[in-house]
Amino acid sequence: ISNMKIERLVVGPIETNCYLLHKEKHVLVIDPGEEAHKIIEHIGNDMVDGIVITHHHFDHVGALEELKEKYSVPVYDFYNLKEGIQTIGHFTFHVLYTPGHKEDLITLIFPHEKVMFVGDFIFKRSIGRTDLEGGNHLDMYSSLEKIKKYDDNYIIYPGHGENTTLGEEKKYNPYF
């Protein structure tokens, strides 16, 4: 049984989901999009093990510099995380490269907890835009093929909007 708690903070003008993963007084920050003060308040006295960026679009990194400065922790992303199993402090997960919305997009998969953090790769009944800089619809198609191999009961935590499950998306998402 996992003791990881997932906290979603909606930050910034385009309501980006920033996730705080809490485990034994340790925190992993995913996509600190904006409003550093709000993120810091929710971290409280916990130790920050690291910050993970799913992709480098402005709405996912707005509070990054401030958090980096405050906590003096490494930042992890496509450029320093290889595909496969990774451990950052108290958190172990799989990294899957899922370009399409942007060439540097990564998905973080926690098999034990059956959750995945997908940035702007997948949304409830939709996918990330491929017409922005770094986007590519052929890459998106390949990434969707990769993600289909996972169990339907995985909970998807997107970069914007509400959670969904992989099963729901396979069933109702027209892009699948």
N, C-alpha and C. Protein backbone atom coordinates (compact mmCIF):
# COMPACT_ATOMS: atom_id res chain seq x y z
N ILE A 1 0.86 -1.20 0.00
CA ILE A 1 0.00 0.00 0.00
C ILE A 1 0.88 1.24 0.00
N SER A 2 0.56 2.16 -0.88
CA SER A 2 1.36 3.37 -1.00
C SER A 2 0.87 4.43 -0.02
N ASN A 3 1.81 5.19 0.47
CA ASN A 3 1.43 6.29 1.35
C ASN A 3 1.64 7.63 0.66
N MET A 4 1.63 7.62 -0.65
CA MET A 4 1.82 8.85 -1.41
C MET A 4 0.49 9.59 -1.53
N LYS A 5 0.53 10.86 -1.18
CA LYS A 5 -0.66 11.70 -1.29
C LYS A 5 -0.43 12.67 -2.45
N ILE A 6 -1.45 12.83 -3.28
CA ILE A 6 -1.34 13.72 -4.44
C ILE A 6 -2.19 14.96 -4.19
N GLU A 7 -1.54 16.11 -4.27
CA GLU A 7 -2.25 17.37 -4.09
C GLU A 7 -2.17 18.15 -5.40
N ARG A 8 -3.33 18.63 -5.88
CA ARG A 8 -3.38 19.40 -7.12
C ARG A 8 -3.63 20.86 -6.78
N LEU A 9 -2.75 21.73 -7.26
CA LEU A 9 -2.93 23.16 -7.11
C LEU A 9 -3.16 23.74 -8.50
N VAL A 10 -4.21 24.51 -8.67
CA VAL A 10 -4.48 25.15 -9.95
C VAL A 10 -3.87 26.55 -9.88
N VAL A 11 -2.90 26.81 -10.76
CA VAL A 11 -2.14 28.06 -10.69
C VAL A 11 -2.11 28.81 -12.02
N GLY A 12 -1.98 30.12 -11.91
CA GLY A 12 -1.76 30.96 -13.08
C GLY A 12 -3.01 31.26 -13.88
N PRO A 13 -2.85 32.16 -14.85
CA PRO A 13 -3.99 32.63 -15.64
C PRO A 13 -4.62 31.57 -16.53
N ILE A 14 -3.85 30.56 -16.95
CA ILE A 14 -4.49 29.50 -17.75
C ILE A 14 -4.70 28.23 -16.95
N GLU A 15 -4.79 28.41 -15.63
CA GLU A 15 -5.18 27.33 -14.71
C GLU A 15 -4.42 26.03 -14.96
N THR A 16 -3.11 26.12 -14.80
CA THR A 16 -2.25 24.96 -14.94
C THR A 16 -2.30 24.13 -13.66
N ASN A 17 -2.31 22.82 -13.80
CA ASN A 17 -2.25 21.94 -12.64
C ASN A 17 -0.80 21.77 -12.22
N CYS A 18 -0.51 22.19 -10.99
CA CYS A 18 0.79 21.90 -10.37
C CYS A 18 0.49 20.79 -9.37
N TYR A 19 1.30 19.75 -9.36
CA TYR A 19 1.06 18.64 -8.45
C TYR A 19 2.15 18.58 -7.39
N LEU A 20 1.72 18.37 -6.15
CA LEU A 20 2.65 18.12 -5.06
C LEU A 20 2.41 16.69 -4.63
N LEU A 21 3.46 15.86 -4.75
CA LEU A 21 3.37 14.48 -4.28
C LEU A 21 3.99 14.46 -2.90
N HIS A 22 3.21 14.04 -1.91
CA HIS A 22 3.67 14.02 -0.52
C HIS A 22 3.91 12.58 -0.10
N LYS A 23 5.04 12.35 0.57
CA LYS A 23 5.35 11.02 1.09
C LYS A 23 6.31 11.18 2.26
N GLU A 24 5.89 10.74 3.43
CA GLU A 24 6.76 10.77 4.62
C GLU A 24 7.48 12.11 4.78
N LYS A 25 6.73 13.20 4.78
CA LYS A 25 7.30 14.54 4.98
C LYS A 25 8.25 14.98 3.86
N HIS A 26 8.15 14.31 2.71
CA HIS A 26 8.93 14.69 1.53
C HIS A 26 7.96 15.05 0.41
N VAL A 27 8.39 15.95 -0.46
CA VAL A 27 7.53 16.42 -1.56
C VAL A 27 8.29 16.38 -2.87
N LEU A 28 7.59 15.95 -3.91
CA LEU A 28 8.08 16.08 -5.28
C LEU A 28 7.12 17.05 -5.96
N VAL A 29 7.67 18.11 -6.56
CA VAL A 29 6.85 19.13 -7.21
C VAL A 29 6.83 18.83 -8.71
N ILE A 30 5.64 18.79 -9.29
CA ILE A 30 5.51 18.59 -10.74
C ILE A 30 4.86 19.83 -11.36
N ASP A 31 5.53 20.43 -12.33
CA ASP A 31 5.03 21.58 -13.09
C ASP A 31 4.61 22.79 -12.25
N PRO A 32 5.58 23.46 -11.63
CA PRO A 32 5.27 24.68 -10.87
C PRO A 32 4.97 25.84 -11.82
N GLY A 33 3.75 25.91 -12.30
CA GLY A 33 3.39 26.82 -13.38
C GLY A 33 3.40 28.29 -13.06
N GLU A 34 3.08 28.64 -11.82
CA GLU A 34 2.89 30.04 -11.47
C GLU A 34 2.60 30.09 -9.97
N GLU A 35 2.48 31.29 -9.42
CA GLU A 35 2.07 31.47 -8.03
C GLU A 35 2.96 30.70 -7.04
N ALA A 36 4.25 30.99 -7.08
CA ALA A 36 5.21 30.31 -6.19
C ALA A 36 4.78 30.37 -4.74
N HIS A 37 4.25 31.52 -4.29
CA HIS A 37 3.84 31.66 -2.90
C HIS A 37 2.80 30.61 -2.49
N LYS A 38 1.87 30.31 -3.37
CA LYS A 38 0.82 29.32 -3.11
C LYS A 38 1.44 27.91 -3.00
N ILE A 39 2.37 27.62 -3.90
CA ILE A 39 3.04 26.31 -3.90
C ILE A 39 3.85 26.15 -2.61
N ILE A 40 4.60 27.19 -2.26
CA ILE A 40 5.44 27.17 -1.05
C ILE A 40 4.57 26.96 0.20
N GLU A 41 3.45 27.64 0.23
CA GLU A 41 2.52 27.52 1.36
C GLU A 41 2.05 26.07 1.52
N HIS A 42 1.74 25.41 0.40
CA HIS A 42 1.24 24.03 0.44
C HIS A 42 2.36 23.01 0.74
N ILE A 43 3.60 23.36 0.43
CA ILE A 43 4.72 22.48 0.76
C ILE A 43 4.93 22.50 2.27
N GLY A 44 4.71 23.67 2.88
CA GLY A 44 4.84 23.79 4.33
C GLY A 44 6.25 23.48 4.78
N ASN A 45 6.37 22.66 5.81
CA ASN A 45 7.69 22.32 6.36
C ASN A 45 8.27 21.04 5.79
N ASP A 46 7.62 20.48 4.77
CA ASP A 46 8.13 19.24 4.18
C ASP A 46 9.42 19.51 3.40
N MET A 47 10.21 18.46 3.21
CA MET A 47 11.45 18.54 2.44
C MET A 47 11.13 18.35 0.96
N VAL A 48 11.63 19.24 0.12
CA VAL A 48 11.42 19.08 -1.32
C VAL A 48 12.56 18.22 -1.87
N ASP A 49 12.22 17.08 -2.47
CA ASP A 49 13.22 16.17 -3.03
C ASP A 49 13.66 16.60 -4.43
N GLY A 50 12.78 17.29 -5.15
CA GLY A 50 13.10 17.73 -6.49
C GLY A 50 11.89 18.34 -7.17
N ILE A 51 12.14 18.91 -8.33
CA ILE A 51 11.08 19.51 -9.15
C ILE A 51 11.15 18.84 -10.52
N VAL A 52 9.99 18.38 -11.01
CA VAL A 52 9.94 17.75 -12.32
C VAL A 52 9.08 18.60 -13.26
N ILE A 53 9.61 18.83 -14.44
CA ILE A 53 8.90 19.59 -15.48
C ILE A 53 8.48 18.60 -16.56
N THR A 54 7.17 18.50 -16.83
CA THR A 54 6.72 17.57 -17.87
C THR A 54 7.09 18.07 -19.26
N HIS A 55 7.09 19.40 -19.44
CA HIS A 55 7.52 20.00 -20.71
C HIS A 55 7.71 21.49 -20.48
N HIS A 56 8.54 22.08 -21.30
CA HIS A 56 8.90 23.48 -21.11
C HIS A 56 8.02 24.44 -21.91
N HIS A 57 6.78 24.60 -21.48
CA HIS A 57 5.93 25.68 -21.95
C HIS A 57 5.79 26.63 -20.76
N PHE A 58 5.66 27.92 -21.04
CA PHE A 58 5.70 28.95 -19.99
C PHE A 58 4.72 28.68 -18.85
N ASP A 59 3.55 28.12 -19.16
CA ASP A 59 2.53 27.93 -18.13
C ASP A 59 2.84 26.75 -17.20
N HIS A 60 3.92 26.03 -17.46
CA HIS A 60 4.31 24.91 -16.59
C HIS A 60 5.58 25.20 -15.79
N VAL A 61 6.22 26.33 -16.09
CA VAL A 61 7.51 26.64 -15.43
C VAL A 61 7.56 28.03 -14.79
N GLY A 62 6.44 28.72 -14.73
CA GLY A 62 6.43 30.11 -14.25
C GLY A 62 7.02 30.33 -12.87
N ALA A 63 6.85 29.37 -11.97
CA ALA A 63 7.35 29.52 -10.59
C ALA A 63 8.66 28.76 -10.38
N LEU A 64 9.21 28.20 -11.45
CA LEU A 64 10.38 27.33 -11.33
C LEU A 64 11.59 28.03 -10.69
N GLU A 65 11.96 29.19 -11.20
CA GLU A 65 13.17 29.87 -10.69
C GLU A 65 13.04 30.18 -9.20
N GLU A 66 11.87 30.67 -8.80
CA GLU A 66 11.66 31.01 -7.39
C GLU A 66 11.75 29.78 -6.49
N LEU A 67 11.19 28.66 -6.92
CA LEU A 67 11.24 27.43 -6.12
C LEU A 67 12.66 26.87 -6.07
N LYS A 68 13.34 26.92 -7.22
CA LYS A 68 14.72 26.44 -7.29
C LYS A 68 15.59 27.21 -6.30
N GLU A 69 15.41 28.51 -6.28
CA GLU A 69 16.16 29.38 -5.39
C GLU A 69 15.85 29.08 -3.92
N LYS A 70 14.56 28.95 -3.61
CA LYS A 70 14.16 28.73 -2.22
C LYS A 70 14.62 27.38 -1.68
N TYR A 71 14.48 26.32 -2.47
CA TYR A 71 14.74 24.97 -1.97
C TYR A 71 16.10 24.40 -2.38
N SER A 72 16.79 25.04 -3.28
CA SER A 72 18.09 24.55 -3.77
C SER A 72 18.05 23.07 -4.12
N VAL A 73 17.10 22.69 -4.95
CA VAL A 73 16.96 21.28 -5.35
C VAL A 73 17.12 21.17 -6.87
N PRO A 74 17.48 19.97 -7.32
CA PRO A 74 17.60 19.78 -8.77
C PRO A 74 16.26 19.83 -9.49
N VAL A 75 16.32 20.20 -10.76
CA VAL A 75 15.15 20.20 -11.62
C VAL A 75 15.34 19.07 -12.61
N TYR A 76 14.30 18.27 -12.79
CA TYR A 76 14.36 17.12 -13.68
C TYR A 76 13.39 17.32 -14.83
N ASP A 77 13.80 16.88 -16.01
CA ASP A 77 12.97 17.00 -17.19
C ASP A 77 13.48 16.05 -18.26
N PHE A 78 12.98 16.21 -19.47
CA PHE A 78 13.36 15.39 -20.61
C PHE A 78 14.88 15.36 -20.81
N TYR A 79 15.54 16.47 -20.50
CA TYR A 79 16.96 16.59 -20.81
C TYR A 79 17.87 15.87 -19.82
N ASN A 80 17.36 15.51 -18.64
CA ASN A 80 18.22 14.78 -17.70
C ASN A 80 17.55 13.53 -17.10
N LEU A 81 16.37 13.17 -17.58
CA LEU A 81 15.73 11.92 -17.15
C LEU A 81 15.66 10.98 -18.35
N LYS A 82 16.23 9.82 -18.21
CA LYS A 82 16.14 8.83 -19.29
C LYS A 82 14.82 8.08 -19.17
N GLU A 83 14.39 7.49 -20.28
CA GLU A 83 13.20 6.64 -20.21
C GLU A 83 13.51 5.46 -19.31
N GLY A 84 12.51 5.01 -18.57
CA GLY A 84 12.70 3.87 -17.68
C GLY A 84 12.51 4.28 -16.23
N ILE A 85 12.97 3.44 -15.32
CA ILE A 85 12.75 3.66 -13.89
C ILE A 85 13.71 4.71 -13.35
N GLN A 86 13.16 5.67 -12.63
CA GLN A 86 13.94 6.75 -12.03
C GLN A 86 13.56 6.89 -10.57
N THR A 87 14.50 7.31 -9.75
CA THR A 87 14.21 7.61 -8.36
C THR A 87 14.72 9.00 -8.04
N ILE A 88 13.83 9.82 -7.46
CA ILE A 88 14.20 11.14 -6.97
C ILE A 88 13.81 11.15 -5.51
N GLY A 89 14.80 11.16 -4.64
CA GLY A 89 14.52 11.14 -3.21
C GLY A 89 13.67 9.95 -2.82
N HIS A 90 12.50 10.21 -2.26
CA HIS A 90 11.59 9.16 -1.80
C HIS A 90 10.62 8.66 -2.87
N PHE A 91 10.81 9.10 -4.12
CA PHE A 91 9.84 8.81 -5.17
C PHE A 91 10.46 8.02 -6.31
N THR A 92 9.86 6.87 -6.62
CA THR A 92 10.33 6.04 -7.73
C THR A 92 9.20 5.92 -8.75
N PHE A 93 9.54 6.11 -10.02
CA PHE A 93 8.53 6.13 -11.08
C PHE A 93 9.19 5.79 -12.40
N HIS A 94 8.37 5.55 -13.41
CA HIS A 94 8.85 5.30 -14.77
C HIS A 94 8.72 6.59 -15.56
N VAL A 95 9.70 6.86 -16.40
CA VAL A 95 9.63 7.99 -17.31
C VAL A 95 9.36 7.44 -18.71
N LEU A 96 8.38 8.03 -19.37
CA LEU A 96 8.05 7.66 -20.74
C LEU A 96 8.11 8.93 -21.58
N TYR A 97 8.87 8.90 -22.67
CA TYR A 97 8.91 10.05 -23.56
C TYR A 97 7.63 10.05 -24.39
N THR A 98 6.87 11.15 -24.30
CA THR A 98 5.59 11.23 -25.01
C THR A 98 5.48 12.55 -25.77
N PRO A 99 6.35 12.74 -26.78
CA PRO A 99 6.29 13.97 -27.57
C PRO A 99 5.00 14.03 -28.40
N GLY A 100 4.72 15.20 -28.90
CA GLY A 100 3.52 15.41 -29.73
C GLY A 100 3.03 16.82 -29.48
N HIS A 101 2.67 17.10 -28.22
CA HIS A 101 2.31 18.47 -27.84
C HIS A 101 3.56 19.34 -27.86
N LYS A 102 4.66 18.75 -27.38
CA LYS A 102 5.97 19.40 -27.43
C LYS A 102 7.02 18.30 -27.49
N GLU A 103 8.15 18.60 -28.12
CA GLU A 103 9.18 17.55 -28.34
C GLU A 103 9.81 17.06 -27.04
N ASP A 104 9.73 17.85 -25.96
CA ASP A 104 10.39 17.46 -24.70
C ASP A 104 9.41 16.96 -23.65
N LEU A 105 8.20 16.54 -24.06
CA LEU A 105 7.20 16.13 -23.08
C LEU A 105 7.48 14.73 -22.54
N ILE A 106 7.43 14.62 -21.21
CA ILE A 106 7.58 13.32 -20.56
C ILE A 106 6.34 13.02 -19.73
N THR A 107 6.04 11.74 -19.61
CA THR A 107 4.97 11.27 -18.75
C THR A 107 5.62 10.52 -17.59
N LEU A 108 5.16 10.82 -16.37
CA LEU A 108 5.67 10.14 -15.17
C LEU A 108 4.64 9.10 -14.76
N ILE A 109 5.07 7.86 -14.67
CA ILE A 109 4.16 6.76 -14.36
C ILE A 109 4.56 6.13 -13.03
N PHE A 110 3.61 6.07 -12.11
CA PHE A 110 3.82 5.45 -10.80
C PHE A 110 3.03 4.15 -10.80
N PRO A 111 3.66 3.02 -11.19
CA PRO A 111 2.93 1.75 -11.35
C PRO A 111 2.31 1.26 -10.04
N HIS A 112 3.01 1.47 -8.93
CA HIS A 112 2.53 1.01 -7.63
C HIS A 112 1.21 1.71 -7.26
N GLU A 113 1.14 3.00 -7.57
CA GLU A 113 -0.04 3.81 -7.23
C GLU A 113 -1.06 3.82 -8.37
N LYS A 114 -0.66 3.31 -9.55
CA LYS A 114 -1.52 3.30 -10.74
C LYS A 114 -1.93 4.72 -11.14
N VAL A 115 -0.94 5.64 -11.15
CA VAL A 115 -1.21 7.02 -11.57
C VAL A 115 -0.16 7.45 -12.59
N MET A 116 -0.54 8.38 -13.46
CA MET A 116 0.41 8.96 -14.40
C MET A 116 0.17 10.46 -14.51
N PHE A 117 1.28 11.18 -14.59
CA PHE A 117 1.25 12.63 -14.75
C PHE A 117 1.69 12.91 -16.17
N VAL A 118 0.79 13.48 -16.97
CA VAL A 118 0.98 13.50 -18.41
C VAL A 118 1.22 14.90 -19.00
N GLY A 119 1.33 15.93 -18.15
CA GLY A 119 1.50 17.28 -18.68
C GLY A 119 0.36 17.59 -19.64
N ASP A 120 0.67 18.14 -20.80
CA ASP A 120 -0.37 18.47 -21.78
C ASP A 120 -0.46 17.44 -22.90
N PHE A 121 -0.09 16.20 -22.59
CA PHE A 121 -0.16 15.11 -23.56
C PHE A 121 -1.63 14.67 -23.74
N ILE A 122 -2.29 14.35 -22.63
CA ILE A 122 -3.68 13.88 -22.68
C ILE A 122 -4.51 14.72 -21.72
N PHE A 123 -5.72 15.07 -22.15
CA PHE A 123 -6.70 15.71 -21.29
C PHE A 123 -7.94 14.83 -21.29
N LYS A 124 -8.87 15.11 -20.40
CA LYS A 124 -10.12 14.35 -20.39
C LYS A 124 -10.78 14.52 -21.76
N ARG A 125 -10.93 13.41 -22.49
CA ARG A 125 -11.56 13.34 -23.82
C ARG A 125 -10.88 14.20 -24.88
N SER A 126 -9.60 14.49 -24.69
CA SER A 126 -8.88 15.27 -25.69
C SER A 126 -7.38 14.99 -25.56
N ILE A 127 -6.59 15.71 -26.36
CA ILE A 127 -5.13 15.63 -26.29
C ILE A 127 -4.57 17.04 -26.39
N GLY A 128 -3.30 17.17 -26.14
CA GLY A 128 -2.64 18.47 -26.25
C GLY A 128 -2.57 18.91 -27.70
N ARG A 129 -2.54 20.22 -27.88
CA ARG A 129 -2.42 20.77 -29.23
C ARG A 129 -1.09 20.36 -29.85
N THR A 130 -1.10 20.15 -31.16
CA THR A 130 0.15 19.80 -31.85
C THR A 130 0.58 20.91 -32.80
N ASP A 131 -0.15 22.02 -32.80
CA ASP A 131 0.14 23.11 -33.74
C ASP A 131 1.02 24.20 -33.13
N LEU A 132 1.45 24.03 -31.89
CA LEU A 132 2.34 25.00 -31.25
C LEU A 132 3.79 24.63 -31.53
N GLU A 133 4.71 25.54 -31.25
CA GLU A 133 6.13 25.27 -31.47
C GLU A 133 6.56 24.01 -30.69
N GLY A 134 7.22 23.09 -31.37
CA GLY A 134 7.64 21.84 -30.75
C GLY A 134 6.61 20.74 -30.85
N GLY A 135 5.43 21.08 -31.39
CA GLY A 135 4.37 20.09 -31.54
C GLY A 135 4.52 19.33 -32.85
N ASN A 136 3.98 18.11 -32.89
CA ASN A 136 4.08 17.29 -34.09
C ASN A 136 3.01 16.20 -34.00
N HIS A 137 2.07 16.19 -34.95
CA HIS A 137 0.96 15.23 -34.85
C HIS A 137 1.40 13.78 -35.07
N LEU A 138 2.46 13.55 -35.80
CA LEU A 138 2.94 12.17 -35.96
C LEU A 138 3.56 11.65 -34.66
N ASP A 139 4.31 12.53 -33.97
CA ASP A 139 4.84 12.17 -32.66
C ASP A 139 3.70 11.88 -31.69
N MET A 140 2.66 12.71 -31.74
CA MET A 140 1.50 12.53 -30.85
C MET A 140 0.88 11.16 -31.08
N TYR A 141 0.73 10.78 -32.34
CA TYR A 141 0.14 9.49 -32.67
C TYR A 141 0.99 8.35 -32.07
N SER A 142 2.32 8.44 -32.21
CA SER A 142 3.22 7.42 -31.65
C SER A 142 3.12 7.37 -30.13
N SER A 143 3.03 8.54 -29.50
CA SER A 143 2.91 8.59 -28.03
C SER A 143 1.61 7.96 -27.56
N LEU A 144 0.52 8.21 -28.29
CA LEU A 144 -0.76 7.59 -27.94
C LEU A 144 -0.68 6.07 -28.05
N GLU A 145 0.02 5.59 -29.08
CA GLU A 145 0.20 4.14 -29.23
C GLU A 145 0.97 3.56 -28.03
N LYS A 146 1.99 4.28 -27.57
CA LYS A 146 2.79 3.84 -26.42
C LYS A 146 1.95 3.74 -25.15
N ILE A 147 1.10 4.73 -24.91
CA ILE A 147 0.36 4.82 -23.65
C ILE A 147 -0.77 3.81 -23.59
N LYS A 148 -1.28 3.40 -24.76
CA LYS A 148 -2.38 2.42 -24.83
C LYS A 148 -2.03 1.09 -24.19
N LYS A 149 -0.74 0.81 -24.09
CA LYS A 149 -0.30 -0.49 -23.56
C LYS A 149 -0.51 -0.61 -22.04
N TYR A 150 -0.77 0.52 -21.38
CA TYR A 150 -0.94 0.50 -19.92
C TYR A 150 -2.37 0.13 -19.53
N ASP A 151 -2.53 -0.36 -18.28
CA ASP A 151 -3.83 -0.78 -17.77
C ASP A 151 -4.84 0.35 -17.79
N ASP A 152 -6.09 -0.03 -18.03
CA ASP A 152 -7.20 0.93 -18.07
C ASP A 152 -7.41 1.64 -16.73
N ASN A 153 -7.01 1.01 -15.63
CA ASN A 153 -7.31 1.61 -14.32
C ASN A 153 -6.30 2.66 -13.87
N TYR A 154 -5.34 3.02 -14.70
CA TYR A 154 -4.42 4.12 -14.36
C TYR A 154 -5.20 5.43 -14.31
N ILE A 155 -4.96 6.22 -13.27
CA ILE A 155 -5.54 7.56 -13.20
C ILE A 155 -4.59 8.52 -13.88
N ILE A 156 -5.14 9.33 -14.79
CA ILE A 156 -4.36 10.30 -15.53
C ILE A 156 -4.52 11.67 -14.89
N TYR A 157 -3.38 12.27 -14.52
CA TYR A 157 -3.38 13.63 -13.97
C TYR A 157 -2.81 14.56 -15.05
N PRO A 158 -3.69 15.33 -15.71
CA PRO A 158 -3.25 16.19 -16.82
C PRO A 158 -2.73 17.54 -16.36
N GLY A 159 -2.13 18.27 -17.30
CA GLY A 159 -1.59 19.60 -17.03
C GLY A 159 -2.66 20.67 -16.86
N HIS A 160 -3.87 20.40 -17.32
CA HIS A 160 -5.00 21.32 -17.16
C HIS A 160 -6.26 20.47 -17.02
N GLY A 161 -7.22 20.95 -16.25
CA GLY A 161 -8.50 20.26 -16.16
C GLY A 161 -8.48 19.10 -15.18
N GLU A 162 -9.56 18.32 -15.23
CA GLU A 162 -9.73 17.27 -14.23
C GLU A 162 -9.10 15.93 -14.62
N ASN A 163 -8.93 15.08 -13.62
CA ASN A 163 -8.37 13.74 -13.81
C ASN A 163 -9.32 12.91 -14.66
N THR A 164 -8.75 11.85 -15.20
CA THR A 164 -9.55 10.87 -15.93
C THR A 164 -8.83 9.53 -15.73
N THR A 165 -9.29 8.50 -16.39
CA THR A 165 -8.57 7.23 -16.34
C THR A 165 -8.19 6.85 -17.76
N LEU A 166 -7.21 6.00 -17.88
CA LEU A 166 -6.79 5.56 -19.20
C LEU A 166 -7.93 4.79 -19.88
N GLY A 167 -8.66 4.01 -19.10
CA GLY A 167 -9.80 3.26 -19.64
C GLY A 167 -10.86 4.18 -20.24
N GLU A 168 -11.18 5.26 -19.50
CA GLU A 168 -12.15 6.25 -19.99
C GLU A 168 -11.68 6.83 -21.32
N GLU A 169 -10.39 7.17 -21.37
CA GLU A 169 -9.86 7.80 -22.58
C GLU A 169 -9.85 6.83 -23.75
N LYS A 170 -9.50 5.56 -23.49
CA LYS A 170 -9.51 4.58 -24.58
C LYS A 170 -10.92 4.44 -25.14
N LYS A 171 -11.90 4.60 -24.26
CA LYS A 171 -13.30 4.41 -24.65
C LYS A 171 -13.91 5.66 -25.29
N TYR A 172 -13.65 6.84 -24.73
CA TYR A 172 -14.38 8.05 -25.15
C TYR A 172 -13.56 9.11 -25.85
N ASN A 173 -12.22 9.01 -25.78
CA ASN A 173 -11.38 10.04 -26.39
C ASN A 173 -11.27 9.77 -27.88
N PRO A 174 -11.77 10.68 -28.73
CA PRO A 174 -11.75 10.43 -30.18
C PRO A 174 -10.34 10.24 -30.76
N TYR A 175 -9.32 10.74 -30.06
CA TYR A 175 -7.96 10.63 -30.57
C TYR A 175 -7.34 9.26 -30.31
N PHE A 176 -7.96 8.48 -29.42
CA PHE A 176 -7.47 7.12 -29.18
C PHE A 176 -8.04 6.19 -30.24
